[in-house]
Amino acid sequence: MRRAVCPGSFDPITNGHLDIIARAARLYDTVYVAVMINQAKKGLFTVDERIALIEQVTGDLGNVKVESFHGLLVDFCKQRDIPAIVKGLRAVSDFDYELQMAQMNIGLTGVETLFVPTNPAYSFLSSSLVKEVAQWGGDISHLVPPVVLDALKPKLERR
C-alpha cells in the first residue's frame, strides 16, 4: 500500500487544496488529509466542521481518509506508517519554508516530502485570502467547492 499525507489547517478547504489532494490521490493508494489542530489559533470552522467539509468534497475520490492531528506531523506519519508528505507550492516563498520543514522531517524520522507545483489557476489562493474576500462580500464561488461556499455564508454573517 502506497500512502501519503496532505497536511494543513484547511480553514476552509479551497479548490487549490482540493487540486493537490486529488493529484496525490491519483499517485497513492491511500491519501490522508491531516487537519492540523492549533490551539493558539481560533479558526473560523471547528476541526470537526473542517473534517466534515473535506470528507464531502473528497468523497468521490474513494481513497482519501480525513483525520485531525495535534503535534508533529512526522509522528502522525509514523503512527500510520505513512512514508510521504505531499505539499503544494504556490510560489518560491513557499519553497523556502517548506524545504526547511522537509529537511527537518526526513532528519527526524525519514519521512519524505514531495512538492507539487500548484495549478496556476490557484497560485494566489489561500484559506486566509478566501475568508478575507468573502468577509468583504467578494465573489469566491470559483475558489471553493459549493458546499464550502454554503458553509461560509452563515459563519461570516455572525462575525
Protein backbone atom coordinates (compact mmCIF):
# COMPACT_ATOMS: atom_id res chain seq x y z
CA MET A 1 0.00 0.00 0.00
CA ARG A 2 1.42 3.35 -1.03
CA ARG A 3 0.35 6.01 1.49
CA ALA A 4 0.86 9.75 1.68
CA VAL A 5 -0.45 12.63 3.72
CA CYS A 6 -1.59 16.12 2.71
CA PRO A 7 -1.44 18.26 5.87
CA GLY A 8 -2.90 21.67 6.57
CA SER A 9 -5.34 23.72 8.57
CA PHE A 10 -7.94 23.75 5.77
CA ASP A 11 -9.91 26.62 7.34
CA PRO A 12 -11.64 26.27 4.91
CA ILE A 13 -10.56 23.84 2.20
CA THR A 14 -10.15 25.61 -1.14
CA ASN A 15 -10.10 24.44 -4.74
CA GLY A 16 -6.31 24.75 -4.57
CA HIS A 17 -6.15 22.30 -1.65
CA LEU A 18 -8.58 20.00 -3.43
CA ASP A 19 -6.46 20.03 -6.57
CA ILE A 20 -3.35 18.91 -4.64
CA ILE A 21 -5.31 16.21 -2.77
CA ALA A 22 -6.84 14.88 -5.99
CA ARG A 23 -3.46 14.77 -7.71
CA ALA A 24 -1.95 12.92 -4.74
CA ALA A 25 -4.91 10.51 -4.78
CA ARG A 26 -4.01 9.55 -8.36
CA LEU A 27 -0.47 8.67 -7.26
CA TYR A 28 -1.08 6.88 -3.95
CA ASP A 29 -3.33 4.05 -2.81
CA THR A 30 -4.38 6.00 0.29
CA VAL A 31 -4.08 9.71 0.92
CA TYR A 32 -4.61 11.00 4.43
CA VAL A 33 -5.73 14.58 4.77
CA ALA A 34 -4.36 15.64 8.15
CA VAL A 35 -6.25 18.58 9.62
CA MET A 36 -3.92 20.44 11.92
CA ILE A 37 -5.15 21.38 15.38
CA ASN A 38 -3.53 24.61 16.51
CA GLN A 39 -4.74 25.57 19.99
CA ALA A 40 -3.17 29.02 19.62
CA LYS A 41 -5.32 29.90 16.59
CA LYS A 42 -9.06 30.38 16.60
CA GLY A 43 -10.32 29.03 13.31
CA LEU A 44 -13.47 30.09 11.52
CA PHE A 45 -14.54 26.44 11.33
CA THR A 46 -14.15 23.91 14.12
CA VAL A 47 -11.88 20.96 13.41
CA ASP A 48 -14.94 18.68 13.16
CA GLU A 49 -16.57 21.05 10.65
CA ARG A 50 -13.40 21.13 8.56
CA ILE A 51 -13.19 17.34 8.59
CA ALA A 52 -16.83 17.04 7.52
CA LEU A 53 -16.35 19.53 4.66
CA ILE A 54 -13.19 17.77 3.44
CA GLU A 55 -14.92 14.39 3.57
CA GLN A 56 -17.78 15.78 1.48
CA VAL A 57 -15.56 17.31 -1.20
CA THR A 58 -13.17 14.34 -1.43
CA GLY A 59 -15.78 11.58 -1.16
CA ASP A 60 -15.76 10.89 -4.90
CA LEU A 61 -12.01 10.18 -4.85
CA GLY A 62 -12.51 6.94 -2.92
CA ASN A 63 -9.02 6.68 -1.41
CA VAL A 64 -8.92 9.69 0.90
CA LYS A 65 -9.08 9.48 4.69
CA VAL A 66 -9.52 12.62 6.77
CA GLU A 67 -8.21 12.87 10.32
CA SER A 68 -7.11 15.58 12.72
CA PHE A 69 -3.71 15.76 14.34
CA HIS A 70 -2.00 17.69 17.07
CA GLY A 71 1.76 17.75 17.42
CA LEU A 72 4.44 16.77 14.96
CA LEU A 73 3.32 15.69 11.50
CA VAL A 74 6.07 13.07 11.42
CA ASP A 75 4.51 11.43 14.49
CA PHE A 76 1.17 11.29 12.64
CA CYS A 77 3.03 9.65 9.74
CA LYS A 78 4.90 7.22 11.97
CA GLN A 79 1.70 6.07 13.73
CA ARG A 80 0.09 5.28 10.36
CA ASP A 81 3.17 4.03 8.50
CA ILE A 82 2.98 6.91 6.01
CA PRO A 83 6.32 7.41 4.22
CA ALA A 84 5.49 10.59 2.27
CA ILE A 85 4.12 14.09 2.77
CA VAL A 86 2.65 15.83 -0.29
CA LYS A 87 2.73 19.62 -0.24
CA GLY A 88 1.59 22.11 -2.85
CA LEU A 89 3.89 25.00 -3.65
CA ARG A 90 2.35 28.26 -4.83
CA ALA A 91 5.47 30.41 -5.06
CA VAL A 92 9.19 30.48 -4.39
CA SER A 93 8.45 31.92 -0.94
CA ASP A 94 6.56 28.69 -0.08
CA PHE A 95 9.60 26.67 -1.12
CA ASP A 96 11.97 28.40 1.29
CA TYR A 97 9.87 27.47 4.32
CA GLU A 98 8.74 24.05 3.08
CA LEU A 99 12.28 22.98 2.22
CA GLN A 100 13.35 23.58 5.82
CA MET A 101 10.38 21.58 7.08
CA ALA A 102 11.10 18.75 4.62
CA GLN A 103 14.73 18.57 5.70
CA MET A 104 13.71 18.51 9.37
CA ASN A 105 11.11 15.79 8.74
CA ILE A 106 13.47 13.48 6.89
CA GLY A 107 16.09 14.07 9.56
CA LEU A 108 13.67 13.23 12.37
CA THR A 109 12.04 10.10 11.00
CA GLY A 110 12.95 9.56 7.36
CA VAL A 111 9.58 10.76 6.06
CA GLU A 112 9.99 12.16 2.55
CA THR A 113 8.29 15.31 1.29
CA LEU A 114 7.10 15.62 -2.30
CA PHE A 115 6.45 19.09 -3.64
CA VAL A 116 3.70 19.51 -6.20
CA PRO A 117 3.52 22.77 -8.12
CA THR A 118 0.15 24.39 -7.71
CA ASN A 119 -2.11 24.68 -10.71
CA PRO A 120 -1.53 28.26 -11.96
CA ALA A 121 -5.25 28.94 -11.58
CA TYR A 122 -4.77 28.60 -7.81
CA SER A 123 -1.28 30.06 -7.38
CA PHE A 124 -2.56 33.02 -5.35
CA LEU A 125 -5.12 31.11 -3.33
CA SER A 126 -5.10 30.64 0.45
CA SER A 127 -7.77 30.00 3.05
CA SER A 128 -6.96 33.34 4.69
CA LEU A 129 -7.46 35.20 1.43
CA VAL A 130 -10.74 33.37 0.75
CA LYS A 131 -12.08 34.36 4.18
CA GLU A 132 -10.99 37.96 3.77
CA VAL A 133 -12.52 38.36 0.31
CA ALA A 134 -15.74 36.65 1.41
CA GLN A 135 -15.97 38.82 4.52
CA TRP A 136 -15.98 41.91 2.33
CA GLY A 137 -18.62 40.49 0.01
CA GLY A 138 -16.34 39.40 -2.83
CA ASP A 139 -17.25 36.52 -5.11
CA ILE A 140 -15.34 33.41 -4.04
CA SER A 141 -17.57 30.89 -5.81
CA HIS A 142 -14.74 29.93 -8.19
CA LEU A 143 -12.26 29.48 -5.31
CA VAL A 144 -14.03 26.95 -3.08
CA PRO A 145 -16.31 23.95 -3.62
CA PRO A 146 -20.05 24.80 -3.47
CA VAL A 147 -20.53 23.04 -0.11
CA VAL A 148 -17.78 25.20 1.39
CA LEU A 149 -19.33 28.34 -0.05
CA ASP A 150 -22.65 27.39 1.57
CA ALA A 151 -20.95 26.72 4.91
CA LEU A 152 -19.03 30.01 4.81
CA LYS A 153 -22.04 32.28 4.44
CA PRO A 154 -23.56 31.75 7.91
CA LYS A 155 -20.12 31.82 9.55
CA LEU A 156 -19.32 35.20 8.08
CA GLU A 157 -22.76 36.65 8.87
CA ARG A 158 -22.10 36.01 12.57
CA ARG A 159 -18.84 37.97 12.50
